[in-house]
Amino acid sequence: MTQITINIEDKSILPHLKKILNAIDGVSIAKPEKKRKTGLDEAYEDVRAGRISHFESADEMFKAFGI
């Protein structure tokens, strides 16, 4: 199978282009893959959203978690 990547600046022509390409036998449109977040990306997101805890010592952390 041969693949071609097309860059389109004007998004308004995208529906028309998809119709034309789908009408051609043997041509399919692949859906773009979603970029998966890495653990580091998720950690940075947690920091930005304030979903972090700060403890002065390990004992304090264990008490907070009920351990």
C-alpha atoms as a PDB file:
ATOM      1  CA  MET A   1       0.000   0.000   0.000  1.00  0.00           C
ATOM      2  CA  THR A   2       1.276   3.458  -0.888  1.00  0.00           C
ATOM      3  CA  GLN A   3       0.604   6.384   1.418  1.00  0.00           C
ATOM      4  CA  ILE A   4       0.528  10.075   0.622  1.00  0.00           C
ATOM      5  CA  THR A   5       0.521  12.834   3.233  1.00  0.00           C
ATOM      6  CA  ILE A   6      -1.286  16.024   2.273  1.00  0.00           C
ATOM      7  CA  ASN A   7      -0.921  19.288   4.197  1.00  0.00           C
ATOM      8  CA  ILE A   8      -3.979  21.539   3.924  1.00  0.00           C
ATOM      9  CA  GLU A   9      -3.838  25.167   5.032  1.00  0.00           C
ATOM     10  CA  ASP A  10      -7.486  26.059   4.334  1.00  0.00           C
ATOM     11  CA  LYS A  11      -9.624  23.783   6.552  1.00  0.00           C
ATOM     12  CA  SER A  12     -12.809  24.808   4.731  1.00  0.00           C
ATOM     13  CA  ILE A  13     -11.930  22.603   1.738  1.00  0.00           C
ATOM     14  CA  LEU A  14     -11.359  19.515   3.900  1.00  0.00           C
ATOM     15  CA  PRO A  15     -14.954  18.143   3.723  1.00  0.00           C
ATOM     16  CA  HIS A  16     -14.969  18.498  -0.064  1.00  0.00           C
ATOM     17  CA  LEU A  17     -11.592  16.819  -0.400  1.00  0.00           C
ATOM     18  CA  LYS A  18     -12.713  13.929   1.814  1.00  0.00           C
ATOM     19  CA  LYS A  19     -15.822  13.395  -0.353  1.00  0.00           C
ATOM     20  CA  ILE A  20     -13.727  13.314  -3.505  1.00  0.00           C
ATOM     21  CA  LEU A  21     -11.168  10.887  -2.063  1.00  0.00           C
ATOM     22  CA  ASN A  22     -13.839   8.568  -0.640  1.00  0.00           C
ATOM     23  CA  ALA A  23     -15.486   8.407  -4.078  1.00  0.00           C
ATOM     24  CA  ILE A  24     -12.337   6.898  -5.605  1.00  0.00           C
ATOM     25  CA  ASP A  25     -12.172   3.092  -5.437  1.00  0.00           C
ATOM     26  CA  GLY A  26      -9.170   1.822  -3.518  1.00  0.00           C
ATOM     27  CA  VAL A  27      -8.566   5.067  -1.627  1.00  0.00           C
ATOM     28  CA  SER A  28      -9.141   5.258   2.109  1.00  0.00           C
ATOM     29  CA  ILE A  29      -8.538   7.996   4.647  1.00  0.00           C
ATOM     30  CA  ALA A  30      -6.587   6.979   7.733  1.00  0.00           C
ATOM     31  CA  LYS A  31      -7.559   8.636  10.995  1.00  0.00           C
ATOM     32  CA  PRO A  32      -4.688  10.456  12.711  1.00  0.00           C
ATOM     33  CA  GLU A  33      -3.316   8.770  15.804  1.00  0.00           C
ATOM     34  CA  LYS A  34      -3.826  10.594  19.060  1.00  0.00           C
ATOM     35  CA  LYS A  35      -0.602  11.508  20.762  1.00  0.00           C
ATOM     36  CA  ARG A  36      -0.291   9.534  23.962  1.00  0.00           C
ATOM     37  CA  LYS A  37       0.783  11.374  27.068  1.00  0.00           C
ATOM     38  CA  THR A  38       3.944  10.213  28.735  1.00  0.00           C
ATOM     39  CA  GLY A  39       4.145   9.850  32.486  1.00  0.00           C
ATOM     40  CA  LEU A  40       6.202  13.022  32.630  1.00  0.00           C
ATOM     41  CA  ASP A  41       3.535  14.943  30.672  1.00  0.00           C
ATOM     42  CA  GLU A  42       0.893  13.708  33.120  1.00  0.00           C
ATOM     43  CA  ALA A  43       3.067  14.726  36.078  1.00  0.00           C
ATOM     44  CA  TYR A  44       3.548  18.255  34.696  1.00  0.00           C
ATOM     45  CA  GLU A  45      -0.207  18.473  34.153  1.00  0.00           C
ATOM     46  CA  ASP A  46      -0.796  17.468  37.799  1.00  0.00           C
ATOM     47  CA  VAL A  47       1.599  20.183  38.988  1.00  0.00           C
ATOM     48  CA  ARG A  48      -0.118  22.841  36.850  1.00  0.00           C
ATOM     49  CA  ALA A  49      -3.544  21.746  38.149  1.00  0.00           C
ATOM     50  CA  GLY A  50      -2.348  21.753  41.755  1.00  0.00           C
ATOM     51  CA  ARG A  51      -2.875  18.020  42.279  1.00  0.00           C
ATOM     52  CA  ILE A  52       0.259  17.585  44.362  1.00  0.00           C
ATOM     53  CA  SER A  53       1.000  17.092  48.058  1.00  0.00           C
ATOM     54  CA  HIS A  54       4.015  18.208  50.029  1.00  0.00           C
ATOM     55  CA  PHE A  55       5.243  16.436  53.150  1.00  0.00           C
ATOM     56  CA  GLU A  56       8.040  17.435  55.505  1.00  0.00           C
ATOM     57  CA  SER A  57       9.039  13.833  56.180  1.00  0.00           C
ATOM     58  CA  ALA A  58       8.324  10.270  55.161  1.00  0.00           C
ATOM     59  CA  ASP A  59       6.589   9.677  58.503  1.00  0.00           C
ATOM     60  CA  GLU A  60       4.230  12.577  57.787  1.00  0.00           C
ATOM     61  CA  MET A  61       3.438  11.104  54.368  1.00  0.00           C
ATOM     62  CA  PHE A  62       2.732   7.653  55.803  1.00  0.00           C
ATOM     63  CA  LYS A  63       0.393   9.177  58.405  1.00  0.00           C
ATOM     64  CA  ALA A  64      -1.473  11.077  55.701  1.00  0.00           C
ATOM     65  CA  PHE A  65      -1.973   7.845  53.725  1.00  0.00           C
ATOM     66  CA  GLY A  66      -3.000   5.936  56.824  1.00  0.00           C
ATOM     67  CA  ILE A  67      -0.037   3.579  56.714  1.00  0.00           C
END
